Amino acid sequence: MALREKDIEYFRQLLEAEHAKIDKQVAGLRKKIKKSLDEDRVFERNSGDPDSDFITESSEIEKDEMLVRQLESSLQQIDDALDAIGEGYYGICQKCGASIDRARLKTIPWAKFCYKCQVEVEEVEKGAA
């Protein structure tokens, strides 16, 4: 069953709100990474001898950078879903062309595939890994 216009608007608002939330998280993480890097440089300059605190901090920075990449991937998926709304094919499986269940879209509003096709895509990805 195709989505109605009011459903489309609901999902647009949901996607835009999620985008704003993730954008804010990314900005906060980038600020945290920059601050940590700046503090590390000052510490190295002042002490001349990086110690285990620096190693621990570097590990935290790497985790934060990985999280930023994951969040940026989510932002791209949300942007793709918003583009799909604009182009009129939101809620339609990009593999089989069937409507994506509303319950699935409520859970994952940027879903590109119906549940059945998503399972198939994941199986192929597992086999390729």
N, C-alpha and C. Protein backbone atom coordinates (compact mmCIF):
# COMPACT_ATOMS: atom_id res chain seq x y z
N MET A 1 0.84 -1.18 0.00
CA MET A 1 0.00 0.00 0.00
C MET A 1 0.88 1.24 0.00
N ALA A 2 0.68 2.12 -0.94
CA ALA A 2 1.47 3.34 -1.07
C ALA A 2 1.18 4.29 0.09
N LEU A 3 2.16 5.08 0.42
CA LEU A 3 2.00 6.04 1.50
C LEU A 3 1.15 7.22 1.04
N ARG A 4 0.33 7.71 1.96
CA ARG A 4 -0.48 8.89 1.66
C ARG A 4 0.36 10.14 1.90
N GLU A 5 -0.13 11.26 1.39
CA GLU A 5 0.60 12.53 1.50
C GLU A 5 0.87 12.90 2.97
N LYS A 6 -0.10 12.67 3.85
CA LYS A 6 0.12 13.01 5.26
C LYS A 6 1.18 12.09 5.88
N ASP A 7 1.24 10.83 5.41
CA ASP A 7 2.29 9.93 5.88
C ASP A 7 3.66 10.42 5.42
N ILE A 8 3.73 10.83 4.17
CA ILE A 8 4.98 11.34 3.62
C ILE A 8 5.46 12.53 4.44
N GLU A 9 4.56 13.44 4.76
CA GLU A 9 4.93 14.62 5.55
C GLU A 9 5.40 14.21 6.94
N TYR A 10 4.73 13.23 7.53
CA TYR A 10 5.14 12.71 8.84
C TYR A 10 6.58 12.19 8.77
N PHE A 11 6.88 11.39 7.74
CA PHE A 11 8.22 10.83 7.62
C PHE A 11 9.25 11.89 7.27
N ARG A 12 8.87 12.90 6.51
CA ARG A 12 9.79 14.00 6.20
C ARG A 12 10.20 14.69 7.51
N GLN A 13 9.22 14.99 8.34
CA GLN A 13 9.51 15.66 9.61
C GLN A 13 10.35 14.77 10.53
N LEU A 14 10.05 13.48 10.54
CA LEU A 14 10.81 12.53 11.33
C LEU A 14 12.27 12.48 10.86
N LEU A 15 12.46 12.41 9.56
CA LEU A 15 13.81 12.38 8.99
C LEU A 15 14.56 13.68 9.26
N GLU A 16 13.89 14.80 9.10
CA GLU A 16 14.54 16.08 9.34
C GLU A 16 14.94 16.24 10.81
N ALA A 17 14.08 15.79 11.72
CA ALA A 17 14.40 15.86 13.15
C ALA A 17 15.59 14.96 13.48
N GLU A 18 15.61 13.76 12.91
CA GLU A 18 16.72 12.83 13.14
C GLU A 18 18.01 13.40 12.56
N HIS A 19 17.92 14.02 11.39
CA HIS A 19 19.08 14.64 10.76
C HIS A 19 19.65 15.73 11.67
N ALA A 20 18.80 16.58 12.20
CA ALA A 20 19.24 17.67 13.07
C ALA A 20 19.90 17.12 14.33
N LYS A 21 19.32 16.05 14.90
CA LYS A 21 19.86 15.43 16.11
C LYS A 21 21.26 14.86 15.83
N ILE A 22 21.40 14.15 14.72
CA ILE A 22 22.69 13.54 14.39
C ILE A 22 23.71 14.62 14.04
N ASP A 23 23.28 15.65 13.32
CA ASP A 23 24.16 16.77 12.99
C ASP A 23 24.75 17.38 14.26
N LYS A 24 23.91 17.54 15.26
CA LYS A 24 24.35 18.10 16.54
C LYS A 24 25.36 17.18 17.21
N GLN A 25 25.12 15.86 17.15
CA GLN A 25 26.05 14.89 17.73
C GLN A 25 27.41 14.96 17.02
N VAL A 26 27.38 15.03 15.70
CA VAL A 26 28.62 15.09 14.92
C VAL A 26 29.40 16.36 15.27
N ALA A 27 28.71 17.48 15.35
CA ALA A 27 29.38 18.74 15.70
C ALA A 27 30.01 18.65 17.08
N GLY A 28 29.30 18.06 18.04
CA GLY A 28 29.84 17.90 19.38
C GLY A 28 31.05 16.99 19.41
N LEU A 29 31.00 15.90 18.67
CA LEU A 29 32.14 14.98 18.61
C LEU A 29 33.34 15.63 17.94
N ARG A 30 33.10 16.37 16.88
CA ARG A 30 34.22 17.05 16.21
C ARG A 30 34.87 18.07 17.14
N LYS A 31 34.05 18.77 17.90
CA LYS A 31 34.58 19.75 18.86
C LYS A 31 35.40 19.03 19.93
N LYS A 32 34.89 17.89 20.41
CA LYS A 32 35.59 17.10 21.42
C LYS A 32 36.93 16.59 20.87
N ILE A 33 36.92 16.10 19.63
CA ILE A 33 38.16 15.60 19.00
C ILE A 33 39.18 16.73 18.88
N LYS A 34 38.73 17.87 18.39
CA LYS A 34 39.64 19.02 18.22
C LYS A 34 40.23 19.43 19.56
N LYS A 35 39.39 19.49 20.59
CA LYS A 35 39.86 19.87 21.92
C LYS A 35 40.89 18.86 22.43
N SER A 36 40.61 17.59 22.24
CA SER A 36 41.55 16.55 22.69
C SER A 36 42.87 16.64 21.95
N LEU A 37 42.80 16.86 20.65
CA LEU A 37 44.04 16.98 19.87
C LEU A 37 44.84 18.21 20.31
N ASP A 38 44.15 19.31 20.54
CA ASP A 38 44.83 20.53 20.99
C ASP A 38 45.47 20.31 22.36
N GLU A 39 44.76 19.65 23.28
CA GLU A 39 45.30 19.37 24.61
C GLU A 39 46.51 18.44 24.52
N ASP A 40 46.45 17.44 23.63
CA ASP A 40 47.57 16.52 23.46
C ASP A 40 48.80 17.26 22.97
N ARG A 41 48.62 18.17 22.04
CA ARG A 41 49.76 18.93 21.51
C ARG A 41 50.39 19.80 22.60
N VAL A 42 49.56 20.44 23.41
CA VAL A 42 50.06 21.27 24.50
C VAL A 42 50.78 20.40 25.51
N PHE A 43 50.22 19.24 25.84
CA PHE A 43 50.85 18.34 26.81
C PHE A 43 52.21 17.88 26.30
N GLU A 44 52.28 17.47 25.03
CA GLU A 44 53.56 17.03 24.47
C GLU A 44 54.59 18.14 24.47
N ARG A 45 54.16 19.33 24.10
CA ARG A 45 55.06 20.47 24.05
C ARG A 45 55.60 20.80 25.44
N ASN A 46 54.73 20.76 26.44
CA ASN A 46 55.13 21.14 27.79
C ASN A 46 55.94 20.06 28.49
N SER A 47 55.61 18.81 28.26
CA SER A 47 56.29 17.73 28.97
C SER A 47 57.46 17.16 28.18
N GLY A 48 57.33 17.20 26.87
CA GLY A 48 58.37 16.62 26.04
C GLY A 48 58.36 15.10 26.07
N ASP A 49 57.46 14.52 26.85
CA ASP A 49 57.42 13.07 26.98
C ASP A 49 55.97 12.59 27.07
N PRO A 50 55.40 12.18 25.94
CA PRO A 50 54.02 11.67 26.00
C PRO A 50 53.97 10.41 26.86
N ASP A 51 53.00 10.34 27.76
CA ASP A 51 52.89 9.15 28.61
C ASP A 51 51.61 8.38 28.28
N SER A 52 51.24 7.47 29.15
CA SER A 52 50.10 6.59 28.88
C SER A 52 48.79 7.36 28.75
N ASP A 53 48.69 8.53 29.38
CA ASP A 53 47.48 9.34 29.23
C ASP A 53 47.28 9.72 27.77
N PHE A 54 48.37 10.00 27.09
CA PHE A 54 48.30 10.35 25.67
C PHE A 54 47.80 9.16 24.86
N ILE A 55 48.28 7.97 25.19
CA ILE A 55 47.84 6.76 24.48
C ILE A 55 46.36 6.51 24.72
N THR A 56 45.92 6.65 25.96
CA THR A 56 44.51 6.48 26.28
C THR A 56 43.68 7.50 25.54
N GLU A 57 44.14 8.73 25.53
CA GLU A 57 43.42 9.81 24.84
C GLU A 57 43.36 9.54 23.34
N SER A 58 44.44 9.04 22.76
CA SER A 58 44.46 8.73 21.32
C SER A 58 43.44 7.66 21.00
N SER A 59 43.31 6.68 21.87
CA SER A 59 42.33 5.63 21.67
C SER A 59 40.92 6.21 21.70
N GLU A 60 40.66 7.12 22.61
CA GLU A 60 39.36 7.78 22.68
C GLU A 60 39.09 8.60 21.43
N ILE A 61 40.11 9.27 20.94
CA ILE A 61 39.96 10.07 19.73
C ILE A 61 39.60 9.16 18.55
N GLU A 62 40.28 8.02 18.45
CA GLU A 62 39.98 7.08 17.37
C GLU A 62 38.55 6.58 17.45
N LYS A 63 38.07 6.28 18.66
CA LYS A 63 36.69 5.84 18.84
C LYS A 63 35.72 6.95 18.41
N ASP A 64 36.02 8.17 18.81
CA ASP A 64 35.16 9.29 18.44
C ASP A 64 35.16 9.52 16.93
N GLU A 65 36.32 9.37 16.30
CA GLU A 65 36.40 9.53 14.84
C GLU A 65 35.60 8.44 14.13
N MET A 66 35.65 7.22 14.65
CA MET A 66 34.88 6.13 14.07
C MET A 66 33.38 6.40 14.22
N LEU A 67 32.98 6.91 15.37
CA LEU A 67 31.58 7.24 15.60
C LEU A 67 31.14 8.36 14.65
N VAL A 68 32.00 9.34 14.42
CA VAL A 68 31.67 10.42 13.47
C VAL A 68 31.42 9.83 12.08
N ARG A 69 32.27 8.90 11.65
CA ARG A 69 32.08 8.27 10.34
C ARG A 69 30.76 7.52 10.27
N GLN A 70 30.41 6.81 11.33
CA GLN A 70 29.14 6.08 11.36
C GLN A 70 27.96 7.05 11.31
N LEU A 71 28.05 8.12 12.06
CA LEU A 71 26.97 9.11 12.07
C LEU A 71 26.85 9.81 10.72
N GLU A 72 27.99 10.09 10.09
CA GLU A 72 27.95 10.70 8.76
C GLU A 72 27.31 9.76 7.74
N SER A 73 27.53 8.47 7.90
CA SER A 73 26.87 7.49 7.04
C SER A 73 25.36 7.53 7.26
N SER A 74 24.95 7.64 8.50
CA SER A 74 23.51 7.76 8.81
C SER A 74 22.94 9.03 8.19
N LEU A 75 23.69 10.13 8.27
CA LEU A 75 23.24 11.38 7.67
C LEU A 75 23.04 11.22 6.17
N GLN A 76 23.95 10.50 5.52
CA GLN A 76 23.83 10.28 4.08
C GLN A 76 22.58 9.46 3.77
N GLN A 77 22.30 8.45 4.57
CA GLN A 77 21.10 7.63 4.37
C GLN A 77 19.83 8.48 4.55
N ILE A 78 19.86 9.37 5.53
CA ILE A 78 18.72 10.26 5.76
C ILE A 78 18.56 11.20 4.58
N ASP A 79 19.68 11.75 4.11
CA ASP A 79 19.62 12.63 2.92
C ASP A 79 19.06 11.89 1.72
N ASP A 80 19.46 10.64 1.55
CA ASP A 80 18.94 9.83 0.44
C ASP A 80 17.43 9.65 0.57
N ALA A 81 16.96 9.41 1.80
CA ALA A 81 15.52 9.24 2.03
C ALA A 81 14.77 10.54 1.75
N LEU A 82 15.34 11.67 2.16
CA LEU A 82 14.71 12.96 1.88
C LEU A 82 14.68 13.23 0.37
N ASP A 83 15.74 12.84 -0.33
CA ASP A 83 15.75 12.96 -1.80
C ASP A 83 14.65 12.09 -2.40
N ALA A 84 14.48 10.88 -1.86
CA ALA A 84 13.45 9.97 -2.35
C ALA A 84 12.06 10.58 -2.16
N ILE A 85 11.86 11.28 -1.06
CA ILE A 85 10.58 11.97 -0.84
C ILE A 85 10.39 13.03 -1.92
N GLY A 86 11.44 13.81 -2.14
CA GLY A 86 11.36 14.87 -3.14
C GLY A 86 11.12 14.36 -4.54
N GLU A 87 11.65 13.18 -4.83
CA GLU A 87 11.53 12.61 -6.17
C GLU A 87 10.33 11.68 -6.31
N GLY A 88 9.62 11.45 -5.21
CA GLY A 88 8.37 10.70 -5.28
C GLY A 88 8.46 9.19 -5.17
N TYR A 89 9.58 8.67 -4.71
CA TYR A 89 9.67 7.21 -4.58
C TYR A 89 9.99 6.75 -3.15
N TYR A 90 9.76 7.61 -2.19
CA TYR A 90 9.98 7.23 -0.79
C TYR A 90 8.99 6.14 -0.40
N GLY A 91 9.50 5.16 0.36
CA GLY A 91 8.64 4.08 0.84
C GLY A 91 8.48 2.95 -0.16
N ILE A 92 9.23 3.01 -1.25
CA ILE A 92 9.18 1.97 -2.26
C ILE A 92 10.53 1.24 -2.25
N CYS A 93 10.50 -0.07 -2.14
CA CYS A 93 11.72 -0.88 -2.10
C CYS A 93 12.52 -0.66 -3.37
N GLN A 94 13.79 -0.35 -3.21
CA GLN A 94 14.65 -0.10 -4.36
C GLN A 94 15.12 -1.38 -5.04
N LYS A 95 14.75 -2.52 -4.46
CA LYS A 95 15.13 -3.78 -5.09
C LYS A 95 13.97 -4.42 -5.84
N CYS A 96 12.81 -4.53 -5.17
CA CYS A 96 11.69 -5.23 -5.80
C CYS A 96 10.55 -4.31 -6.23
N GLY A 97 10.56 -3.06 -5.77
CA GLY A 97 9.52 -2.10 -6.15
C GLY A 97 8.25 -2.17 -5.33
N ALA A 98 8.22 -3.05 -4.33
CA ALA A 98 7.04 -3.14 -3.46
C ALA A 98 7.07 -2.00 -2.43
N SER A 99 5.92 -1.74 -1.84
CA SER A 99 5.86 -0.74 -0.77
C SER A 99 6.55 -1.28 0.48
N ILE A 100 7.29 -0.40 1.13
CA ILE A 100 7.92 -0.77 2.40
C ILE A 100 6.88 -0.57 3.50
N ASP A 101 6.76 -1.55 4.36
CA ASP A 101 5.77 -1.53 5.43
C ASP A 101 5.95 -0.28 6.30
N ARG A 102 4.83 0.37 6.64
CA ARG A 102 4.87 1.59 7.45
C ARG A 102 5.56 1.36 8.80
N ALA A 103 5.33 0.20 9.40
CA ALA A 103 5.96 -0.11 10.69
C ALA A 103 7.48 -0.13 10.54
N ARG A 104 7.96 -0.66 9.44
CA ARG A 104 9.41 -0.67 9.17
C ARG A 104 9.92 0.75 9.01
N LEU A 105 9.17 1.57 8.28
CA LEU A 105 9.59 2.97 8.08
C LEU A 105 9.55 3.76 9.38
N LYS A 106 8.64 3.42 10.26
CA LYS A 106 8.61 4.11 11.56
C LYS A 106 9.85 3.76 12.38
N THR A 107 10.31 2.53 12.24
CA THR A 107 11.49 2.09 12.96
C THR A 107 12.77 2.58 12.29
N ILE A 108 12.82 2.46 10.96
CA ILE A 108 13.99 2.87 10.18
C ILE A 108 13.48 3.74 9.03
N PRO A 109 13.25 5.03 9.30
CA PRO A 109 12.63 5.88 8.27
C PRO A 109 13.47 6.07 7.01
N TRP A 110 14.75 5.71 7.06
CA TRP A 110 15.60 5.82 5.87
C TRP A 110 15.77 4.48 5.16
N ALA A 111 14.93 3.50 5.50
CA ALA A 111 15.01 2.18 4.87
C ALA A 111 14.83 2.29 3.35
N LYS A 112 15.71 1.60 2.62
CA LYS A 112 15.64 1.60 1.15
C LYS A 112 14.98 0.33 0.62
N PHE A 113 14.90 -0.68 1.49
CA PHE A 113 14.40 -1.98 1.05
C PHE A 113 13.29 -2.46 1.97
N CYS A 114 12.37 -3.24 1.41
CA CYS A 114 11.38 -3.93 2.24
C CYS A 114 12.15 -4.95 3.09
N TYR A 115 11.49 -5.49 4.09
CA TYR A 115 12.17 -6.41 5.00
C TYR A 115 12.76 -7.61 4.26
N LYS A 116 11.98 -8.22 3.38
CA LYS A 116 12.43 -9.41 2.64
C LYS A 116 13.69 -9.11 1.84
N CYS A 117 13.69 -8.01 1.12
CA CYS A 117 14.86 -7.65 0.30
C CYS A 117 16.04 -7.25 1.18
N GLN A 118 15.78 -6.62 2.32
CA GLN A 118 16.87 -6.26 3.24
C GLN A 118 17.59 -7.51 3.72
N VAL A 119 16.82 -8.54 4.06
CA VAL A 119 17.41 -9.81 4.49
C VAL A 119 18.28 -10.38 3.37
N GLU A 120 17.77 -10.34 2.12
CA GLU A 120 18.54 -10.84 0.99
C GLU A 120 19.82 -10.06 0.78
N VAL A 121 19.75 -8.74 0.89
CA VAL A 121 20.93 -7.88 0.73
C VAL A 121 21.96 -8.22 1.80
N GLU A 122 21.52 -8.38 3.04
CA GLU A 122 22.44 -8.71 4.12
C GLU A 122 23.07 -10.08 3.93
N GLU A 123 22.32 -11.03 3.40
CA GLU A 123 22.88 -12.36 3.14
C GLU A 123 23.98 -12.27 2.07
N VAL A 124 23.74 -11.50 1.04
CA VAL A 124 24.75 -11.32 -0.01
C VAL A 124 25.98 -10.65 0.57
N GLU A 125 25.80 -9.63 1.41
CA GLU A 125 26.93 -8.93 2.02
C GLU A 125 27.71 -9.86 2.92
N LYS A 126 27.04 -10.74 3.66
CA LYS A 126 27.73 -11.71 4.52
C LYS A 126 28.57 -12.65 3.69
N GLY A 127 28.02 -13.08 2.57
CA GLY A 127 28.73 -13.99 1.68
C GLY A 127 29.94 -13.35 1.03
N ALA A 128 29.87 -12.05 0.81
CA ALA A 128 30.97 -11.33 0.16
C ALA A 128 32.08 -11.00 1.17
N ALA A 129 31.74 -11.01 2.44
CA ALA A 129 32.72 -10.62 3.47
C ALA A 129 33.68 -11.73 3.81
